[in-house]
Amino acid sequence: MSESLTVSLALLAGVLLGMIFFGGLWWTIQRGISSKQPAVLFSGSFLLRTFIVLAGLYYVSRGDWHKLLACLLGFLFARILVARLTRVQIEKKTKIIEEGGL
């Protein structure tokens, strides 16, 4: 496989890892608000998400700093993407509440 293809796949893997991490964070926050034991939920979620990302970074990079850097850039891109997607959801909920829908 060519170097550019492997780096591109590492970038894509980083986006996937970031979506899992930050999407999981969003899910945890939504569930943690109404949880009876939020500390357990937040701690468990943090450990699971961190383990998945570190294992993914280790597996994808395989000791090559080019792939590691591409994976980290994809991870950061996913953070921006999830932040925008969740912002849209918050704005929709706020608009519904302001209109008296809930």
N, C-alpha and C. Protein backbone atom coordinates (compact mmCIF):
# COMPACT_ATOMS: atom_id res chain seq x y z
N MET A 1 0.84 -1.17 0.00
CA MET A 1 0.00 0.00 0.00
C MET A 1 0.89 1.24 0.00
N SER A 2 0.46 2.26 -0.72
CA SER A 2 1.27 3.46 -0.79
C SER A 2 1.19 4.25 0.52
N GLU A 3 2.18 5.07 0.72
CA GLU A 3 2.27 5.85 1.96
C GLU A 3 1.10 6.82 2.09
N SER A 4 0.71 7.46 0.99
CA SER A 4 -0.39 8.43 1.07
C SER A 4 -1.72 7.75 1.39
N LEU A 5 -1.91 6.54 0.92
CA LEU A 5 -3.14 5.82 1.23
C LEU A 5 -3.18 5.42 2.70
N THR A 6 -2.07 4.96 3.24
CA THR A 6 -2.07 4.57 4.65
C THR A 6 -2.25 5.78 5.57
N VAL A 7 -1.68 6.92 5.19
CA VAL A 7 -1.86 8.14 5.98
C VAL A 7 -3.31 8.61 5.89
N SER A 8 -3.91 8.50 4.71
CA SER A 8 -5.32 8.88 4.55
C SER A 8 -6.23 7.98 5.38
N LEU A 9 -5.94 6.70 5.40
CA LEU A 9 -6.72 5.78 6.22
C LEU A 9 -6.53 6.07 7.71
N ALA A 10 -5.33 6.47 8.09
CA ALA A 10 -5.08 6.85 9.48
C ALA A 10 -5.88 8.10 9.84
N LEU A 11 -5.98 9.04 8.91
CA LEU A 11 -6.78 10.24 9.13
C LEU A 11 -8.24 9.87 9.33
N LEU A 12 -8.74 8.99 8.50
CA LEU A 12 -10.12 8.53 8.61
C LEU A 12 -10.35 7.78 9.92
N ALA A 13 -9.39 6.98 10.33
CA ALA A 13 -9.49 6.27 11.61
C ALA A 13 -9.51 7.26 12.77
N GLY A 14 -8.75 8.34 12.67
CA GLY A 14 -8.75 9.37 13.69
C GLY A 14 -10.10 10.06 13.80
N VAL A 15 -10.74 10.30 12.65
CA VAL A 15 -12.08 10.89 12.67
C VAL A 15 -13.05 9.93 13.37
N LEU A 16 -12.95 8.65 13.06
CA LEU A 16 -13.82 7.67 13.69
C LEU A 16 -13.57 7.60 15.20
N LEU A 17 -12.33 7.59 15.61
CA LEU A 17 -12.01 7.57 17.04
C LEU A 17 -12.52 8.84 17.74
N GLY A 18 -12.37 9.97 17.08
CA GLY A 18 -12.86 11.21 17.65
C GLY A 18 -14.38 11.24 17.77
N MET A 19 -15.06 10.69 16.76
CA MET A 19 -16.52 10.62 16.83
C MET A 19 -16.96 9.72 17.98
N ILE A 20 -16.26 8.63 18.18
CA ILE A 20 -16.57 7.74 19.30
C ILE A 20 -16.32 8.46 20.62
N PHE A 21 -15.18 9.11 20.75
CA PHE A 21 -14.83 9.77 22.00
C PHE A 21 -15.78 10.92 22.32
N PHE A 22 -15.91 11.87 21.39
CA PHE A 22 -16.70 13.06 21.68
C PHE A 22 -18.20 12.79 21.59
N GLY A 23 -18.61 11.85 20.74
CA GLY A 23 -20.00 11.43 20.73
C GLY A 23 -20.36 10.73 22.03
N GLY A 24 -19.43 9.92 22.54
CA GLY A 24 -19.63 9.27 23.83
C GLY A 24 -19.69 10.27 24.96
N LEU A 25 -18.90 11.31 24.87
CA LEU A 25 -18.94 12.38 25.88
C LEU A 25 -20.29 13.07 25.86
N TRP A 26 -20.79 13.36 24.68
CA TRP A 26 -22.10 14.00 24.55
C TRP A 26 -23.19 13.10 25.14
N TRP A 27 -23.13 11.81 24.81
CA TRP A 27 -24.10 10.86 25.33
C TRP A 27 -24.02 10.81 26.86
N THR A 28 -22.81 10.78 27.39
CA THR A 28 -22.62 10.71 28.84
C THR A 28 -23.21 11.94 29.53
N ILE A 29 -22.99 13.10 28.97
CA ILE A 29 -23.53 14.32 29.57
C ILE A 29 -25.05 14.29 29.56
N GLN A 30 -25.63 13.85 28.45
CA GLN A 30 -27.09 13.78 28.37
C GLN A 30 -27.67 12.81 29.40
N ARG A 31 -27.02 11.69 29.59
CA ARG A 31 -27.50 10.69 30.55
C ARG A 31 -27.11 11.04 31.99
N GLY A 32 -26.00 11.71 32.16
CA GLY A 32 -25.50 12.03 33.49
C GLY A 32 -26.34 13.05 34.23
N ILE A 33 -27.03 13.88 33.47
CA ILE A 33 -27.86 14.91 34.09
C ILE A 33 -28.97 14.28 34.94
N SER A 34 -29.54 13.19 34.45
CA SER A 34 -30.66 12.58 35.17
C SER A 34 -30.28 11.28 35.88
N SER A 35 -29.01 10.96 35.91
CA SER A 35 -28.56 9.71 36.53
C SER A 35 -28.60 9.80 38.05
N LYS A 36 -28.86 8.66 38.67
CA LYS A 36 -28.83 8.61 40.13
C LYS A 36 -27.40 8.55 40.66
N GLN A 37 -26.49 8.03 39.85
CA GLN A 37 -25.07 7.95 40.23
C GLN A 37 -24.21 8.52 39.10
N PRO A 38 -24.21 9.84 38.95
CA PRO A 38 -23.48 10.44 37.83
C PRO A 38 -21.98 10.23 37.91
N ALA A 39 -21.42 10.14 39.11
CA ALA A 39 -19.97 9.97 39.23
C ALA A 39 -19.53 8.64 38.62
N VAL A 40 -20.31 7.60 38.85
CA VAL A 40 -19.98 6.29 38.28
C VAL A 40 -20.10 6.33 36.76
N LEU A 41 -21.15 6.97 36.27
CA LEU A 41 -21.36 7.07 34.82
C LEU A 41 -20.23 7.86 34.16
N PHE A 42 -19.90 9.01 34.72
CA PHE A 42 -18.86 9.85 34.13
C PHE A 42 -17.49 9.17 34.21
N SER A 43 -17.18 8.56 35.32
CA SER A 43 -15.89 7.88 35.47
C SER A 43 -15.77 6.69 34.53
N GLY A 44 -16.80 5.87 34.51
CA GLY A 44 -16.78 4.70 33.63
C GLY A 44 -16.71 5.09 32.17
N SER A 45 -17.46 6.10 31.79
CA SER A 45 -17.44 6.56 30.41
C SER A 45 -16.07 7.11 30.03
N PHE A 46 -15.48 7.89 30.93
CA PHE A 46 -14.17 8.45 30.66
C PHE A 46 -13.12 7.35 30.46
N LEU A 47 -13.14 6.37 31.35
CA LEU A 47 -12.16 5.28 31.23
C LEU A 47 -12.37 4.47 29.95
N LEU A 48 -13.60 4.17 29.62
CA LEU A 48 -13.89 3.40 28.42
C LEU A 48 -13.50 4.17 27.16
N ARG A 49 -13.91 5.45 27.08
CA ARG A 49 -13.59 6.26 25.91
C ARG A 49 -12.08 6.45 25.75
N THR A 50 -11.39 6.69 26.85
CA THR A 50 -9.94 6.87 26.81
C THR A 50 -9.24 5.59 26.37
N PHE A 51 -9.68 4.46 26.90
CA PHE A 51 -9.09 3.18 26.52
C PHE A 51 -9.28 2.91 25.03
N ILE A 52 -10.47 3.16 24.52
CA ILE A 52 -10.75 2.93 23.10
C ILE A 52 -9.86 3.80 22.23
N VAL A 53 -9.74 5.08 22.59
CA VAL A 53 -8.93 6.00 21.78
C VAL A 53 -7.45 5.64 21.84
N LEU A 54 -6.93 5.36 23.02
CA LEU A 54 -5.51 5.01 23.13
C LEU A 54 -5.19 3.71 22.40
N ALA A 55 -6.06 2.73 22.53
CA ALA A 55 -5.85 1.46 21.82
C ALA A 55 -5.93 1.68 20.31
N GLY A 56 -6.87 2.52 19.88
CA GLY A 56 -7.00 2.83 18.46
C GLY A 56 -5.79 3.57 17.92
N LEU A 57 -5.30 4.55 18.67
CA LEU A 57 -4.11 5.28 18.24
C LEU A 57 -2.90 4.36 18.15
N TYR A 58 -2.76 3.50 19.12
CA TYR A 58 -1.64 2.55 19.13
C TYR A 58 -1.73 1.60 17.94
N TYR A 59 -2.92 1.09 17.69
CA TYR A 59 -3.10 0.15 16.59
C TYR A 59 -2.89 0.81 15.23
N VAL A 60 -3.45 2.00 15.06
CA VAL A 60 -3.36 2.69 13.77
C VAL A 60 -1.93 3.14 13.48
N SER A 61 -1.26 3.71 14.47
CA SER A 61 0.07 4.27 14.21
C SER A 61 1.14 3.20 13.97
N ARG A 62 1.09 2.14 14.72
CA ARG A 62 2.08 1.05 14.61
C ARG A 62 3.51 1.57 14.55
N GLY A 63 3.78 2.58 15.36
CA GLY A 63 5.14 3.09 15.47
C GLY A 63 5.53 4.11 14.42
N ASP A 64 4.63 4.46 13.51
CA ASP A 64 4.94 5.43 12.46
C ASP A 64 4.35 6.79 12.85
N TRP A 65 5.21 7.79 13.01
CA TRP A 65 4.74 9.08 13.48
C TRP A 65 3.87 9.78 12.45
N HIS A 66 4.04 9.47 11.16
CA HIS A 66 3.19 10.07 10.13
C HIS A 66 1.73 9.64 10.32
N LYS A 67 1.55 8.35 10.54
CA LYS A 67 0.19 7.84 10.75
C LYS A 67 -0.39 8.34 12.08
N LEU A 68 0.45 8.43 13.10
CA LEU A 68 -0.01 8.94 14.39
C LEU A 68 -0.46 10.39 14.26
N LEU A 69 0.31 11.20 13.57
CA LEU A 69 -0.05 12.60 13.37
C LEU A 69 -1.35 12.73 12.57
N ALA A 70 -1.49 11.93 11.51
CA ALA A 70 -2.71 11.96 10.71
C ALA A 70 -3.91 11.54 11.56
N CYS A 71 -3.73 10.53 12.37
CA CYS A 71 -4.81 10.05 13.23
C CYS A 71 -5.20 11.13 14.24
N LEU A 72 -4.24 11.81 14.81
CA LEU A 72 -4.53 12.89 15.76
C LEU A 72 -5.23 14.06 15.08
N LEU A 73 -4.85 14.37 13.85
CA LEU A 73 -5.52 15.44 13.12
C LEU A 73 -6.97 15.06 12.83
N GLY A 74 -7.20 13.82 12.48
CA GLY A 74 -8.57 13.34 12.29
C GLY A 74 -9.37 13.42 13.58
N PHE A 75 -8.73 13.09 14.69
CA PHE A 75 -9.37 13.15 16.00
C PHE A 75 -9.80 14.59 16.30
N LEU A 76 -8.92 15.55 16.04
CA LEU A 76 -9.25 16.96 16.27
C LEU A 76 -10.35 17.45 15.33
N PHE A 77 -10.33 16.98 14.10
CA PHE A 77 -11.39 17.33 13.15
C PHE A 77 -12.74 16.81 13.65
N ALA A 78 -12.75 15.62 14.20
CA ALA A 78 -13.99 15.05 14.74
C ALA A 78 -14.50 15.88 15.91
N ARG A 79 -13.60 16.44 16.70
CA ARG A 79 -14.03 17.29 17.81
C ARG A 79 -14.81 18.49 17.28
N ILE A 80 -14.30 19.11 16.25
CA ILE A 80 -14.98 20.26 15.64
C ILE A 80 -16.33 19.83 15.07
N LEU A 81 -16.34 18.69 14.40
CA LEU A 81 -17.57 18.18 13.79
C LEU A 81 -18.64 17.87 14.84
N VAL A 82 -18.26 17.18 15.89
CA VAL A 82 -19.23 16.85 16.95
C VAL A 82 -19.71 18.11 17.65
N ALA A 83 -18.83 19.07 17.87
CA ALA A 83 -19.22 20.32 18.52
C ALA A 83 -20.27 21.05 17.67
N ARG A 84 -20.09 21.06 16.37
CA ARG A 84 -21.07 21.73 15.51
C ARG A 84 -22.39 20.97 15.47
N LEU A 85 -22.32 19.66 15.40
CA LEU A 85 -23.54 18.86 15.35
C LEU A 85 -24.34 18.99 16.65
N THR A 86 -23.65 18.98 17.77
CA THR A 86 -24.37 19.09 19.05
C THR A 86 -24.88 20.50 19.27
N ARG A 87 -24.20 21.49 18.75
CA ARG A 87 -24.66 22.87 18.87
C ARG A 87 -25.99 23.02 18.13
N VAL A 88 -26.11 22.41 16.97
CA VAL A 88 -27.35 22.47 16.20
C VAL A 88 -28.49 21.83 17.00
N GLN A 89 -28.22 20.70 17.65
CA GLN A 89 -29.25 20.04 18.45
C GLN A 89 -29.67 20.91 19.63
N ILE A 90 -28.72 21.56 20.27
CA ILE A 90 -29.03 22.43 21.41
C ILE A 90 -29.88 23.61 20.94
N GLU A 91 -29.53 24.20 19.80
CA GLU A 91 -30.28 25.34 19.30
C GLU A 91 -31.71 24.94 18.94
N LYS A 92 -31.90 23.75 18.39
CA LYS A 92 -33.25 23.28 18.07
C LYS A 92 -34.07 23.08 19.34
N LYS A 93 -33.47 22.48 20.37
CA LYS A 93 -34.19 22.27 21.62
C LYS A 93 -34.53 23.60 22.28
N THR A 94 -33.60 24.54 22.24
CA THR A 94 -33.84 25.85 22.84
C THR A 94 -34.97 26.56 22.12
N LYS A 95 -35.01 26.46 20.80
CA LYS A 95 -36.06 27.10 20.03
C LYS A 95 -37.42 26.49 20.37
N ILE A 96 -37.48 25.18 20.51
CA ILE A 96 -38.73 24.51 20.85
C ILE A 96 -39.20 24.95 22.23
N ILE A 97 -38.27 25.04 23.18
CA ILE A 97 -38.62 25.45 24.54
C ILE A 97 -39.12 26.89 24.56
N GLU A 98 -38.45 27.76 23.81
CA GLU A 98 -38.87 29.16 23.76
C GLU A 98 -40.25 29.33 23.15
N GLU A 99 -40.61 28.45 22.21
CA GLU A 99 -41.92 28.53 21.56
C GLU A 99 -42.99 27.88 22.42
N GLY A 100 -42.59 27.26 23.53
CA GLY A 100 -43.56 26.64 24.42
C GLY A 100 -43.93 25.23 24.03
N GLY A 101 -43.06 24.58 23.26
CA GLY A 101 -43.35 23.22 22.80
C GLY A 101 -43.13 22.16 23.85
N LEU A 102 -42.32 22.43 24.86
CA LEU A 102 -42.06 21.42 25.88
C LEU A 102 -42.63 21.81 27.18
